[in-house]
Amino acid sequence: MVKTVLKVDGMSCGMCESHMNDLVRSLFQVKKVSSSAKDGETVVLSDEILDIPYLKMKMKEIGYKLVSVESTHEA
């Protein structure tokens, strides 16, 4: 299992959180995705490493900026 923490610029409300969650689910097969506008981050649990350049491009298309990414393998 891979845990990916995305620092996101541009999320300001609950609807933004939903848009980010929906985007990630539409692009990748994920186990869980959760976004927080307050923390400016989206946390993704998946079996595979995410295609970050592709995600960054798709985020830009809907008005969000990927600031940083941290991926760790979980048991």
PDB file of N, CA and C in Angstrom:
ATOM      1  N   MET A   1       0.848  -1.172   0.000  1.00  0.00           N
ATOM      2  CA  MET A   1       0.000   0.000   0.000  1.00  0.00           C
ATOM      3  C   MET A   1       0.897   1.239   0.000  1.00  0.00           C
ATOM      4  N   VAL A   2       0.526   2.225  -0.803  1.00  0.00           N
ATOM      5  CA  VAL A   2       1.274   3.474  -0.896  1.00  0.00           C
ATOM      6  C   VAL A   2       0.415   4.608  -0.347  1.00  0.00           C
ATOM      7  N   LYS A   3       0.987   5.373   0.579  1.00  0.00           N
ATOM      8  CA  LYS A   3       0.315   6.566   1.095  1.00  0.00           C
ATOM      9  C   LYS A   3       0.975   7.773   0.446  1.00  0.00           C
ATOM     10  N   THR A   4       0.171   8.575  -0.254  1.00  0.00           N
ATOM     11  CA  THR A   4       0.679   9.762  -0.928  1.00  0.00           C
ATOM     12  C   THR A   4       0.002  10.991  -0.337  1.00  0.00           C
ATOM     13  N   VAL A   5       0.814  11.919   0.146  1.00  0.00           N
ATOM     14  CA  VAL A   5       0.301  13.174   0.687  1.00  0.00           C
ATOM     15  C   VAL A   5       0.610  14.273  -0.321  1.00  0.00           C
ATOM     16  N   LEU A   6      -0.455  14.878  -0.838  1.00  0.00           N
ATOM     17  CA  LEU A   6      -0.337  15.943  -1.826  1.00  0.00           C
ATOM     18  C   LEU A   6      -0.606  17.275  -1.144  1.00  0.00           C
ATOM     19  N   LYS A   7       0.328  18.187  -1.195  1.00  0.00           N
ATOM     20  CA  LYS A   7       0.088  19.552  -0.719  1.00  0.00           C
ATOM     21  C   LYS A   7      -0.512  20.317  -1.893  1.00  0.00           C
ATOM     22  N   VAL A   8      -1.690  20.890  -1.662  1.00  0.00           N
ATOM     23  CA  VAL A   8      -2.478  21.487  -2.739  1.00  0.00           C
ATOM     24  C   VAL A   8      -2.756  22.953  -2.435  1.00  0.00           C
ATOM     25  N   ASP A   9      -2.506  23.805  -3.421  1.00  0.00           N
ATOM     26  CA  ASP A   9      -2.839  25.219  -3.310  1.00  0.00           C
ATOM     27  C   ASP A   9      -4.115  25.478  -4.098  1.00  0.00           C
ATOM     28  N   GLY A  10      -5.059  26.188  -3.493  1.00  0.00           N
ATOM     29  CA  GLY A  10      -6.285  26.546  -4.204  1.00  0.00           C
ATOM     30  C   GLY A  10      -7.555  25.964  -3.619  1.00  0.00           C
ATOM     31  N   MET A  11      -7.437  25.026  -2.682  1.00  0.00           N
ATOM     32  CA  MET A  11      -8.639  24.488  -2.037  1.00  0.00           C
ATOM     33  C   MET A  11      -9.053  25.438  -0.916  1.00  0.00           C
ATOM     34  N   SER A  12     -10.326  25.863  -0.916  1.00  0.00           N
ATOM     35  CA  SER A  12     -10.760  26.818   0.106  1.00  0.00           C
ATOM     36  C   SER A  12     -12.041  26.414   0.835  1.00  0.00           C
ATOM     37  N   CYS A  13     -12.678  25.317   0.398  1.00  0.00           N
ATOM     38  CA  CYS A  13     -13.963  24.954   1.014  1.00  0.00           C
ATOM     39  C   CYS A  13     -14.228  23.451   0.853  1.00  0.00           C
ATOM     40  N   GLY A  14     -15.344  23.019   1.402  1.00  0.00           N
ATOM     41  CA  GLY A  14     -15.732  21.618   1.312  1.00  0.00           C
ATOM     42  C   GLY A  14     -15.965  21.155  -0.114  1.00  0.00           C
ATOM     43  N   MET A  15     -16.483  22.040  -0.962  1.00  0.00           N
ATOM     44  CA  MET A  15     -16.703  21.672  -2.361  1.00  0.00           C
ATOM     45  C   MET A  15     -15.367  21.440  -3.067  1.00  0.00           C
ATOM     46  N   CYS A  16     -14.364  22.243  -2.723  1.00  0.00           N
ATOM     47  CA  CYS A  16     -13.024  22.049  -3.285  1.00  0.00           C
ATOM     48  C   CYS A  16     -12.479  20.674  -2.889  1.00  0.00           C
ATOM     49  N   GLU A  17     -12.712  20.307  -1.632  1.00  0.00           N
ATOM     50  CA  GLU A  17     -12.278  18.988  -1.163  1.00  0.00           C
ATOM     51  C   GLU A  17     -12.936  17.890  -1.992  1.00  0.00           C
ATOM     52  N   SER A  18     -14.225  18.029  -2.241  1.00  0.00           N
ATOM     53  CA  SER A  18     -14.955  17.044  -3.051  1.00  0.00           C
ATOM     54  C   SER A  18     -14.421  16.992  -4.471  1.00  0.00           C
ATOM     55  N   HIS A  19     -14.128  18.155  -5.055  1.00  0.00           N
ATOM     56  CA  HIS A  19     -13.586  18.185  -6.419  1.00  0.00           C
ATOM     57  C   HIS A  19     -12.250  17.450  -6.495  1.00  0.00           C
ATOM     58  N   MET A  20     -11.376  17.676  -5.505  1.00  0.00           N
ATOM     59  CA  MET A  20     -10.081  16.990  -5.502  1.00  0.00           C
ATOM     60  C   MET A  20     -10.262  15.490  -5.323  1.00  0.00           C
ATOM     61  N   ASN A  21     -11.127  15.088  -4.400  1.00  0.00           N
ATOM     62  CA  ASN A  21     -11.371  13.661  -4.179  1.00  0.00           C
ATOM     63  C   ASN A  21     -11.912  13.007  -5.443  1.00  0.00           C
ATOM     64  N   ASP A  22     -12.874  13.666  -6.092  1.00  0.00           N
ATOM     65  CA  ASP A  22     -13.463  13.128  -7.323  1.00  0.00           C
ATOM     66  C   ASP A  22     -12.429  13.031  -8.435  1.00  0.00           C
ATOM     67  N   LEU A  23     -11.557  14.040  -8.540  1.00  0.00           N
ATOM     68  CA  LEU A  23     -10.520  14.019  -9.570  1.00  0.00           C
ATOM     69  C   LEU A  23      -9.600  12.821  -9.371  1.00  0.00           C
ATOM     70  N   VAL A  24      -9.110  12.638  -8.154  1.00  0.00           N
ATOM     71  CA  VAL A  24      -8.184  11.529  -7.874  1.00  0.00           C
ATOM     72  C   VAL A  24      -8.859  10.189  -8.164  1.00  0.00           C
ATOM     73  N   ARG A  25     -10.109  10.039  -7.722  1.00  0.00           N
ATOM     74  CA  ARG A  25     -10.834   8.780  -7.972  1.00  0.00           C
ATOM     75  C   ARG A  25     -11.043   8.531  -9.464  1.00  0.00           C
ATOM     76  N   SER A  26     -11.229   9.594 -10.240  1.00  0.00           N
ATOM     77  CA  SER A  26     -11.479   9.425 -11.675  1.00  0.00           C
ATOM     78  C   SER A  26     -10.210   9.064 -12.446  1.00  0.00           C
ATOM     79  N   LEU A  27      -9.052   9.403 -11.899  1.00  0.00           N
ATOM     80  CA  LEU A  27      -7.787   9.173 -12.601  1.00  0.00           C
ATOM     81  C   LEU A  27      -7.090   7.881 -12.202  1.00  0.00           C
ATOM     82  N   PHE A  28      -7.281   7.455 -10.956  1.00  0.00           N
ATOM     83  CA  PHE A  28      -6.531   6.322 -10.422  1.00  0.00           C
ATOM     84  C   PHE A  28      -7.442   5.378  -9.640  1.00  0.00           C
ATOM     85  N   GLN A  29      -7.017   4.121  -9.546  1.00  0.00           N
ATOM     86  CA  GLN A  29      -7.709   3.172  -8.678  1.00  0.00           C
ATOM     87  C   GLN A  29      -7.113   3.346  -7.283  1.00  0.00           C
ATOM     88  N   VAL A  30      -7.910   3.919  -6.393  1.00  0.00           N
ATOM     89  CA  VAL A  30      -7.418   4.192  -5.049  1.00  0.00           C
ATOM     90  C   VAL A  30      -8.256   3.458  -4.018  1.00  0.00           C
ATOM     91  N   LYS A  31      -7.651   3.176  -2.888  1.00  0.00           N
ATOM     92  CA  LYS A  31      -8.355   2.544  -1.771  1.00  0.00           C
ATOM     93  C   LYS A  31      -9.114   3.597  -0.968  1.00  0.00           C
ATOM     94  N   LYS A  32      -8.474   4.776  -0.806  1.00  0.00           N
ATOM     95  CA  LYS A  32      -9.078   5.848  -0.016  1.00  0.00           C
ATOM     96  C   LYS A  32      -8.471   7.173  -0.447  1.00  0.00           C
ATOM     97  N   VAL A  33      -9.292   8.218  -0.448  1.00  0.00           N
ATOM     98  CA  VAL A  33      -8.800   9.573  -0.701  1.00  0.00           C
ATOM     99  C   VAL A  33      -9.546  10.524   0.218  1.00  0.00           C
ATOM    100  N   SER A  34      -8.803  11.440   0.803  1.00  0.00           N
ATOM    101  CA  SER A  34      -9.390  12.404   1.732  1.00  0.00           C
ATOM    102  C   SER A  34      -8.673  13.741   1.572  1.00  0.00           C
ATOM    103  N   SER A  35      -9.444  14.811   1.412  1.00  0.00           N
ATOM    104  CA  SER A  35      -8.867  16.140   1.243  1.00  0.00           C
ATOM    105  C   SER A  35      -9.271  17.053   2.387  1.00  0.00           C
ATOM    106  N   SER A  36      -8.383  17.984   2.712  1.00  0.00           N
ATOM    107  CA  SER A  36      -8.651  18.987   3.736  1.00  0.00           C
ATOM    108  C   SER A  36      -8.260  20.359   3.201  1.00  0.00           C
ATOM    109  N   ALA A  37      -9.249  21.227   3.006  1.00  0.00           N
ATOM    110  CA  ALA A  37      -8.968  22.594   2.565  1.00  0.00           C
ATOM    111  C   ALA A  37      -8.199  23.340   3.653  1.00  0.00           C
ATOM    112  N   LYS A  38      -8.558  23.088   4.905  1.00  0.00           N
ATOM    113  CA  LYS A  38      -7.901  23.754   6.038  1.00  0.00           C
ATOM    114  C   LYS A  38      -6.404  23.452   6.063  1.00  0.00           C
ATOM    115  N   ASP A  39      -6.053  22.185   5.839  1.00  0.00           N
ATOM    116  CA  ASP A  39      -4.648  21.771   5.852  1.00  0.00           C
ATOM    117  C   ASP A  39      -3.982  21.922   4.490  1.00  0.00           C
ATOM    118  N   GLY A  40      -4.779  22.146   3.447  1.00  0.00           N
ATOM    119  CA  GLY A  40      -4.231  22.271   2.098  1.00  0.00           C
ATOM    120  C   GLY A  40      -3.600  20.989   1.606  1.00  0.00           C
ATOM    121  N   GLU A  41      -4.243  19.859   1.911  1.00  0.00           N
ATOM    122  CA  GLU A  41      -3.658  18.592   1.475  1.00  0.00           C
ATOM    123  C   GLU A  41      -4.713  17.553   1.128  1.00  0.00           C
ATOM    124  N   THR A  42      -4.269  16.621   0.291  1.00  0.00           N
ATOM    125  CA  THR A  42      -5.064  15.459  -0.082  1.00  0.00           C
ATOM    126  C   THR A  42      -4.219  14.233   0.226  1.00  0.00           C
ATOM    127  N   VAL A  43      -4.803  13.276   0.936  1.00  0.00           N
ATOM    128  CA  VAL A  43      -4.102  12.043   1.293  1.00  0.00           C
ATOM    129  C   VAL A  43      -4.740  10.899   0.517  1.00  0.00           C
ATOM    130  N   VAL A  44      -3.896  10.131  -0.184  1.00  0.00           N
ATOM    131  CA  VAL A  44      -4.368   9.050  -1.043  1.00  0.00           C
ATOM    132  C   VAL A  44      -3.724   7.740  -0.610  1.00  0.00           C
ATOM    133  N   LEU A  45      -4.535   6.695  -0.460  1.00  0.00           N
ATOM    134  CA  LEU A  45      -4.032   5.340  -0.238  1.00  0.00           C
ATOM    135  C   LEU A  45      -4.317   4.534  -1.492  1.00  0.00           C
ATOM    136  N   SER A  46      -3.276   3.910  -2.034  1.00  0.00           N
ATOM    137  CA  SER A  46      -3.425   3.157  -3.279  1.00  0.00           C
ATOM    138  C   SER A  46      -2.446   1.991  -3.300  1.00  0.00           C
ATOM    139  N   ASP A  47      -2.701   1.051  -4.198  1.00  0.00           N
ATOM    140  CA  ASP A  47      -1.784  -0.076  -4.359  1.00  0.00           C
ATOM    141  C   ASP A  47      -0.572   0.305  -5.201  1.00  0.00           C
ATOM    142  N   GLU A  48      -0.754   1.280  -6.080  1.00  0.00           N
ATOM    143  CA  GLU A  48       0.293   1.695  -7.014  1.00  0.00           C
ATOM    144  C   GLU A  48       0.735   3.128  -6.732  1.00  0.00           C
ATOM    145  N   ILE A  49       1.944   3.455  -7.142  1.00  0.00           N
ATOM    146  CA  ILE A  49       2.422   4.833  -7.070  1.00  0.00           C
ATOM    147  C   ILE A  49       1.650   5.652  -8.102  1.00  0.00           C
ATOM    148  N   LEU A  50       1.220   6.842  -7.718  1.00  0.00           N
ATOM    149  CA  LEU A  50       0.450   7.700  -8.615  1.00  0.00           C
ATOM    150  C   LEU A  50       1.346   8.325  -9.683  1.00  0.00           C
ATOM    151  N   ASP A  51       0.777   8.570 -10.854  1.00  0.00           N
ATOM    152  CA  ASP A  51       1.464   9.274 -11.933  1.00  0.00           C
ATOM    153  C   ASP A  51       1.364  10.771 -11.626  1.00  0.00           C
ATOM    154  N   ILE A  52       2.360  11.296 -10.945  1.00  0.00           N
ATOM    155  CA  ILE A  52       2.309  12.669 -10.440  1.00  0.00           C
ATOM    156  C   ILE A  52       2.288  13.720 -11.560  1.00  0.00           C
ATOM    157  N   PRO A  53       3.104  13.611 -12.613  1.00  0.00           N
ATOM    158  CA  PRO A  53       3.013  14.623 -13.678  1.00  0.00           C
ATOM    159  C   PRO A  53       1.613  14.695 -14.307  1.00  0.00           C
ATOM    160  N   TYR A  54       0.982  13.547 -14.500  1.00  0.00           N
ATOM    161  CA  TYR A  54      -0.374  13.507 -15.054  1.00  0.00           C
ATOM    162  C   TYR A  54      -1.365  14.140 -14.080  1.00  0.00           C
ATOM    163  N   LEU A  55      -1.251  13.802 -12.797  1.00  0.00           N
ATOM    164  CA  LEU A  55      -2.130  14.373 -11.780  1.00  0.00           C
ATOM    165  C   LEU A  55      -1.958  15.886 -11.712  1.00  0.00           C
ATOM    166  N   LYS A  56      -0.722  16.351 -11.741  1.00  0.00           N
ATOM    167  CA  LYS A  56      -0.443  17.790 -11.677  1.00  0.00           C
ATOM    168  C   LYS A  56      -1.112  18.523 -12.836  1.00  0.00           C
ATOM    169  N   MET A  57      -1.031  17.948 -14.034  1.00  0.00           N
ATOM    170  CA  MET A  57      -1.654  18.548 -15.212  1.00  0.00           C
ATOM    171  C   MET A  57      -3.170  18.620 -15.043  1.00  0.00           C
ATOM    172  N   LYS A  58      -3.774  17.529 -14.575  1.00  0.00           N
ATOM    173  CA  LYS A  58      -5.228  17.485 -14.400  1.00  0.00           C
ATOM    174  C   LYS A  58      -5.685  18.430 -13.289  1.00  0.00           C
ATOM    175  N   MET A  59      -4.887  18.566 -12.235  1.00  0.00           N
ATOM    176  CA  MET A  59      -5.222  19.503 -11.164  1.00  0.00           C
ATOM    177  C   MET A  59      -5.219  20.932 -11.685  1.00  0.00           C
ATOM    178  N   LYS A  60      -4.235  21.254 -12.493  1.00  0.00           N
ATOM    179  CA  LYS A  60      -4.138  22.605 -13.057  1.00  0.00           C
ATOM    180  C   LYS A  60      -5.365  22.926 -13.907  1.00  0.00           C
ATOM    181  N   GLU A  61      -5.864  21.927 -14.635  1.00  0.00           N
ATOM    182  CA  GLU A  61      -7.041  22.116 -15.490  1.00  0.00           C
ATOM    183  C   GLU A  61      -8.274  22.523 -14.693  1.00  0.00           C
ATOM    184  N   ILE A  62      -8.355  22.107 -13.418  1.00  0.00           N
ATOM    185  CA  ILE A  62      -9.534  22.465 -12.616  1.00  0.00           C
ATOM    186  C   ILE A  62      -9.220  23.538 -11.565  1.00  0.00           C
ATOM    187  N   GLY A  63      -8.039  24.157 -11.678  1.00  0.00           N
ATOM    188  CA  GLY A  63      -7.743  25.326 -10.862  1.00  0.00           C
ATOM    189  C   GLY A  63      -6.951  25.119  -9.587  1.00  0.00           C
ATOM    190  N   TYR A  64      -6.320  23.948  -9.436  1.00  0.00           N
ATOM    191  CA  TYR A  64      -5.522  23.690  -8.240  1.00  0.00           C
ATOM    192  C   TYR A  64      -4.062  23.513  -8.621  1.00  0.00           C
ATOM    193  N   LYS A  65      -3.177  23.860  -7.687  1.00  0.00           N
ATOM    194  CA  LYS A  65      -1.743  23.739  -7.925  1.00  0.00           C
ATOM    195  C   LYS A  65      -1.149  22.721  -6.958  1.00  0.00           C
ATOM    196  N   LEU A  66      -0.400  21.774  -7.509  1.00  0.00           N
ATOM    197  CA  LEU A  66       0.299  20.786  -6.689  1.00  0.00           C
ATOM    198  C   LEU A  66       1.597  21.416  -6.196  1.00  0.00           C
ATOM    199  N   VAL A  67       1.717  21.575  -4.885  1.00  0.00           N
ATOM    200  CA  VAL A  67       2.866  22.244  -4.286  1.00  0.00           C
ATOM    201  C   VAL A  67       3.979  21.247  -3.968  1.00  0.00           C
ATOM    202  N   SER A  68       3.604  20.098  -3.387  1.00  0.00           N
ATOM    203  CA  SER A  68       4.594  19.073  -3.057  1.00  0.00           C
ATOM    204  C   SER A  68       3.920  17.714  -2.924  1.00  0.00           C
ATOM    205  N   VAL A  69       4.753  16.678  -2.980  1.00  0.00           N
ATOM    206  CA  VAL A  69       4.261  15.297  -2.891  1.00  0.00           C
ATOM    207  C   VAL A  69       5.190  14.515  -1.975  1.00  0.00           C
ATOM    208  N   GLU A  70       4.598  13.708  -1.105  1.00  0.00           N
ATOM    209  CA  GLU A  70       5.376  12.801  -0.265  1.00  0.00           C
ATOM    210  C   GLU A  70       4.708  11.433  -0.300  1.00  0.00           C
ATOM    211  N   SER A  71       5.450  10.432  -0.768  1.00  0.00           N
ATOM    212  CA  SER A  71       4.910   9.071  -0.850  1.00  0.00           C
ATOM    213  C   SER A  71       5.691   8.151   0.075  1.00  0.00           C
ATOM    214  N   THR A  72       4.947   7.294   0.790  1.00  0.00           N
ATOM    215  CA  THR A  72       5.567   6.302   1.657  1.00  0.00           C
ATOM    216  C   THR A  72       4.849   4.972   1.477  1.00  0.00           C
ATOM    217  N   HIS A  73       5.593   3.884   1.641  1.00  0.00           N
ATOM    218  CA  HIS A  73       4.990   2.552   1.576  1.00  0.00           C
ATOM    219  C   HIS A  73       4.494   2.177   2.966  1.00  0.00           C
ATOM    220  N   GLU A  74       3.255   1.703   3.023  1.00  0.00           N
ATOM    221  CA  GLU A  74       2.634   1.322   4.288  1.00  0.00           C
ATOM    222  C   GLU A  74       2.425  -0.188   4.298  1.00  0.00           C
ATOM    223  N   ALA A  75       2.398  -0.762   5.471  1.00  0.00           N
ATOM    224  CA  ALA A  75       2.162  -2.204   5.602  1.00  0.00           C
ATOM    225  C   ALA A  75       0.699  -2.521   5.433  1.00  0.00           C
TER     226      ALA A  75
END
